N, C-alpha and C. Protein backbone atom coordinates (compact mmCIF):
# COMPACT_ATOMS: atom_id res chain seq x y z
N MET A 1 93.40 84.37 74.12
CA MET A 1 93.15 85.16 75.40
C MET A 1 94.41 85.36 76.15
N LEU A 2 94.58 86.62 76.54
CA LEU A 2 95.66 86.84 77.31
C LEU A 2 95.59 86.57 78.85
N ILE A 3 96.46 86.11 79.60
CA ILE A 3 96.41 85.84 81.01
C ILE A 3 97.34 87.06 81.77
N ASP A 4 96.97 87.57 82.57
CA ASP A 4 97.64 88.59 83.38
C ASP A 4 97.96 88.05 84.60
N PHE A 5 99.19 87.49 84.60
CA PHE A 5 99.84 86.81 85.67
C PHE A 5 100.04 87.66 86.99
N ILE A 6 100.45 89.07 86.58
CA ILE A 6 100.65 89.95 87.85
C ILE A 6 99.36 89.99 88.52
N SER A 7 98.26 90.26 87.94
CA SER A 7 96.87 90.42 88.47
C SER A 7 96.65 89.13 89.41
N ILE A 8 96.91 88.04 88.53
CA ILE A 8 96.73 86.79 89.53
C ILE A 8 97.29 86.63 90.77
N GLN A 9 98.74 87.02 90.69
CA GLN A 9 99.46 87.00 91.83
C GLN A 9 99.24 88.15 92.84
N LYS A 10 98.75 89.18 92.44
CA LYS A 10 98.34 90.29 93.39
C LYS A 10 97.14 89.92 94.04
N ASN A 11 96.18 89.18 93.30
CA ASN A 11 94.81 88.71 93.76
C ASN A 11 95.41 87.65 95.01
N LYS A 12 96.14 86.71 94.66
CA LYS A 12 96.57 85.64 95.64
C LYS A 12 97.16 86.53 96.87
N PHE A 13 98.01 87.64 96.73
CA PHE A 13 98.57 88.33 97.83
C PHE A 13 97.33 88.83 98.64
N GLN A 14 96.36 89.48 98.05
CA GLN A 14 95.19 89.95 98.70
C GLN A 14 94.38 89.03 99.56
N ILE A 15 94.06 87.99 98.92
CA ILE A 15 93.39 86.92 99.64
C ILE A 15 94.02 86.50 100.86
N LEU A 16 95.26 86.27 100.76
CA LEU A 16 95.92 85.81 102.00
C LEU A 16 96.19 86.85 102.96
N ALA A 17 96.12 88.13 102.68
CA ALA A 17 96.41 89.24 103.49
C ALA A 17 95.00 89.27 104.28
N LYS A 18 93.89 89.38 103.49
CA LYS A 18 92.58 89.32 104.06
C LYS A 18 92.32 88.24 105.10
N LYS A 19 92.64 87.01 104.92
CA LYS A 19 92.50 85.89 105.67
C LYS A 19 93.54 86.14 107.20
N ILE A 20 94.62 86.77 106.94
CA ILE A 20 95.36 86.98 108.10
C ILE A 20 94.76 88.01 108.82
N GLN A 21 94.10 88.98 108.25
CA GLN A 21 93.42 90.22 108.85
C GLN A 21 92.20 89.63 109.60
N ALA A 22 91.55 88.75 109.05
CA ALA A 22 90.36 88.14 109.53
C ALA A 22 90.55 87.16 110.59
N GLN A 23 91.60 86.48 110.59
CA GLN A 23 91.91 85.36 111.66
C GLN A 23 93.37 85.69 112.12
N PRO A 24 93.62 86.65 112.80
CA PRO A 24 95.16 86.79 113.10
C PRO A 24 95.50 85.90 114.14
N GLU A 25 94.67 85.25 114.95
CA GLU A 25 95.04 84.33 115.92
C GLU A 25 95.49 82.95 115.26
N ARG A 26 95.08 82.74 114.11
CA ARG A 26 95.47 81.52 113.37
C ARG A 26 96.83 81.72 112.69
N PHE A 27 97.16 82.85 112.30
CA PHE A 27 98.58 83.13 111.74
C PHE A 27 99.57 83.67 112.39
N ILE A 28 99.20 84.55 113.43
CA ILE A 28 100.19 85.34 114.30
C ILE A 28 100.31 84.68 115.68
N ASP A 29 101.21 83.93 115.83
CA ASP A 29 101.47 83.29 117.27
C ASP A 29 103.03 83.24 117.32
N PHE A 30 103.74 84.33 117.48
CA PHE A 30 105.07 84.50 117.56
C PHE A 30 105.39 84.90 118.85
N ASP A 31 106.39 84.25 119.55
CA ASP A 31 107.13 84.50 120.84
C ASP A 31 108.43 85.57 120.56
N SER A 32 108.83 85.46 119.32
CA SER A 32 110.02 86.21 118.99
C SER A 32 110.00 86.51 117.53
N VAL A 33 110.98 87.17 117.04
CA VAL A 33 111.04 87.65 115.61
C VAL A 33 111.41 86.38 115.00
N SER A 34 112.17 85.56 115.43
CA SER A 34 112.75 84.48 114.81
C SER A 34 111.59 83.41 114.40
N ASP A 35 110.51 83.46 115.22
CA ASP A 35 109.40 82.63 115.10
C ASP A 35 108.72 82.99 113.70
N PHE A 36 108.49 84.29 113.42
CA PHE A 36 108.05 84.81 112.36
C PHE A 36 108.73 84.04 111.14
N TYR A 37 109.89 84.17 111.00
CA TYR A 37 110.69 83.44 109.97
C TYR A 37 110.38 82.26 109.72
N LYS A 38 109.84 81.28 110.77
CA LYS A 38 109.68 79.95 110.45
C LYS A 38 108.02 79.55 110.19
N ALA A 39 107.16 80.90 109.99
CA ALA A 39 105.92 80.70 109.72
C ALA A 39 105.79 80.12 108.27
N THR A 40 105.08 78.83 108.31
CA THR A 40 104.98 78.34 106.93
C THR A 40 103.76 78.93 105.88
N TRP A 41 103.11 79.90 106.57
CA TRP A 41 102.16 80.46 105.72
C TRP A 41 103.03 81.65 104.84
N LEU A 42 104.06 81.89 105.21
CA LEU A 42 104.90 82.84 104.41
C LEU A 42 105.06 82.36 102.80
N ASN A 43 105.19 80.92 102.56
CA ASN A 43 105.31 80.28 101.57
C ASN A 43 104.05 80.31 100.61
N ASP A 44 102.83 80.83 101.30
CA ASP A 44 101.61 80.89 100.53
C ASP A 44 101.55 82.10 99.53
N PHE A 45 102.51 83.17 100.03
CA PHE A 45 102.57 84.42 99.40
C PHE A 45 103.13 84.20 97.75
N PRO A 46 102.77 85.05 96.84
CA PRO A 46 103.26 84.79 95.55
C PRO A 46 104.83 84.92 95.60
N THR A 47 105.45 84.12 94.60
CA THR A 47 106.86 84.47 94.38
C THR A 47 107.09 85.94 93.99
N GLY A 48 108.24 86.28 94.78
CA GLY A 48 108.53 87.82 94.48
C GLY A 48 108.17 88.63 95.77
N THR A 49 107.40 88.05 96.78
CA THR A 49 107.04 88.69 97.82
C THR A 49 108.07 88.94 98.70
N THR A 50 108.30 90.06 99.52
CA THR A 50 109.28 90.39 100.39
C THR A 50 108.77 90.54 101.77
N TRP A 51 109.63 90.44 102.68
CA TRP A 51 109.18 90.71 104.17
C TRP A 51 110.42 91.20 105.02
N ALA A 52 109.88 92.03 105.74
CA ALA A 52 111.07 92.72 106.70
C ALA A 52 110.40 92.67 108.09
N VAL A 53 111.19 92.58 109.04
CA VAL A 53 110.96 92.67 110.49
C VAL A 53 111.64 93.60 111.30
N THR A 54 111.10 94.58 111.89
CA THR A 54 111.83 95.43 112.85
C THR A 54 111.75 94.96 114.35
N GLY A 55 112.75 95.13 115.03
CA GLY A 55 112.80 94.62 116.42
C GLY A 55 114.01 93.75 116.65
N LEU A 56 114.42 93.64 117.68
CA LEU A 56 115.52 92.76 118.04
C LEU A 56 115.13 91.32 118.07
N ASP A 57 116.12 90.45 117.66
CA ASP A 57 115.71 89.16 117.83
C ASP A 57 116.10 88.36 119.15
N ASN A 58 116.14 89.10 120.11
CA ASN A 58 116.78 88.68 121.39
C ASN A 58 115.45 88.65 122.30
N GLY A 59 114.39 88.32 121.70
CA GLY A 59 113.27 88.20 122.62
C GLY A 59 112.42 89.36 122.63
N ALA A 60 112.40 90.34 121.66
CA ALA A 60 111.57 91.44 121.65
C ALA A 60 110.02 91.05 121.69
N ASP A 61 109.63 91.85 122.60
CA ASP A 61 107.96 91.63 122.79
C ASP A 61 107.18 92.24 121.74
N GLU A 62 107.62 93.40 121.40
CA GLU A 62 107.00 94.01 120.18
C GLU A 62 107.78 94.40 119.02
N PHE A 63 107.25 94.08 117.86
CA PHE A 63 107.90 94.28 116.56
C PHE A 63 106.99 94.50 115.51
N ASP A 64 107.36 95.00 114.36
CA ASP A 64 106.53 95.31 113.18
C ASP A 64 106.97 94.31 111.99
N ILE A 65 105.90 93.89 111.34
CA ILE A 65 106.21 92.88 110.06
C ILE A 65 105.67 93.72 109.06
N LEU A 66 106.53 93.86 107.75
CA LEU A 66 106.00 94.38 106.47
C LEU A 66 106.15 93.37 105.58
N ILE A 67 105.08 92.93 104.83
CA ILE A 67 105.19 92.05 103.63
C ILE A 67 104.77 92.76 102.51
N GLU A 68 105.34 92.72 101.37
CA GLU A 68 105.13 93.50 100.19
C GLU A 68 105.11 92.48 98.96
N TYR A 69 104.20 92.94 97.99
CA TYR A 69 104.36 92.15 96.71
C TYR A 69 103.88 93.43 95.66
N ARG A 70 104.83 93.60 94.85
CA ARG A 70 104.82 95.01 93.98
C ARG A 70 104.31 96.07 94.67
N ASP A 71 103.02 96.60 94.56
CA ASP A 71 102.57 97.78 95.22
C ASP A 71 101.51 97.51 96.32
N LEU A 72 101.39 96.30 96.52
CA LEU A 72 100.56 95.89 97.69
C LEU A 72 101.41 95.59 98.91
N TYR A 73 100.84 95.75 100.22
CA TYR A 73 101.54 95.61 101.43
C TYR A 73 100.72 95.16 102.48
N LEU A 74 101.11 94.34 103.42
CA LEU A 74 100.43 93.83 104.70
C LEU A 74 101.43 94.25 105.58
N ARG A 75 101.02 94.97 106.65
CA ARG A 75 101.85 95.49 107.94
C ARG A 75 101.07 94.97 109.01
N ILE A 76 101.82 94.27 109.91
CA ILE A 76 101.58 93.59 110.96
C ILE A 76 102.28 94.32 112.33
N GLU A 77 101.56 94.84 113.21
CA GLU A 77 102.13 95.43 114.48
C GLU A 77 101.92 94.32 115.57
N CYS A 78 103.00 93.79 115.91
CA CYS A 78 102.87 92.55 116.96
C CYS A 78 103.02 93.44 118.21
N THR A 79 102.01 94.02 118.65
CA THR A 79 101.84 94.62 119.95
C THR A 79 100.59 93.94 120.56
N GLN A 80 100.26 94.57 121.83
CA GLN A 80 98.99 94.17 122.57
C GLN A 80 98.02 95.47 122.38
N PRO A 81 97.12 95.36 121.52
CA PRO A 81 96.55 94.15 120.79
C PRO A 81 97.12 94.22 119.49
N ILE A 82 97.22 93.16 118.66
CA ILE A 82 97.96 93.11 117.37
C ILE A 82 97.03 93.84 116.35
N LYS A 83 97.83 94.80 115.58
CA LYS A 83 97.11 95.68 114.47
C LYS A 83 97.61 95.29 113.14
N ILE A 84 96.75 95.06 112.20
CA ILE A 84 97.01 94.66 110.77
C ILE A 84 96.47 95.60 109.94
N TYR A 85 97.42 96.06 109.12
CA TYR A 85 96.93 96.99 107.99
C TYR A 85 97.42 96.39 106.49
N THR A 86 96.52 96.71 105.52
CA THR A 86 96.68 96.12 104.21
C THR A 86 96.19 97.24 103.29
N GLY A 87 97.00 97.32 102.04
CA GLY A 87 96.55 98.25 101.11
C GLY A 87 97.64 98.37 99.96
N MET A 88 97.55 99.64 99.19
CA MET A 88 98.55 99.60 98.22
C MET A 88 99.42 100.87 98.46
N LYS A 89 100.73 100.85 98.01
CA LYS A 89 101.67 102.08 98.33
C LYS A 89 101.29 102.98 97.43
């Protein structure tokens, strides 16, 4: 039996992305960009996941987060209201 580790990791990414989308208040509580980098749930994404944040780290009220694993993405717009998108590139 062959195990498709990439599919397993993609599934792990999608499950976490859906949890964040369903309960943003549980995951997204950032006063600044630097708070995002301290979020412990980032470690729950599969190894190889990358993330980038736009916005200034000097107390920017609004910024965007892009989290990617292979061809999957999770985009979070930290605005009022918070907007979350997930999908494939």
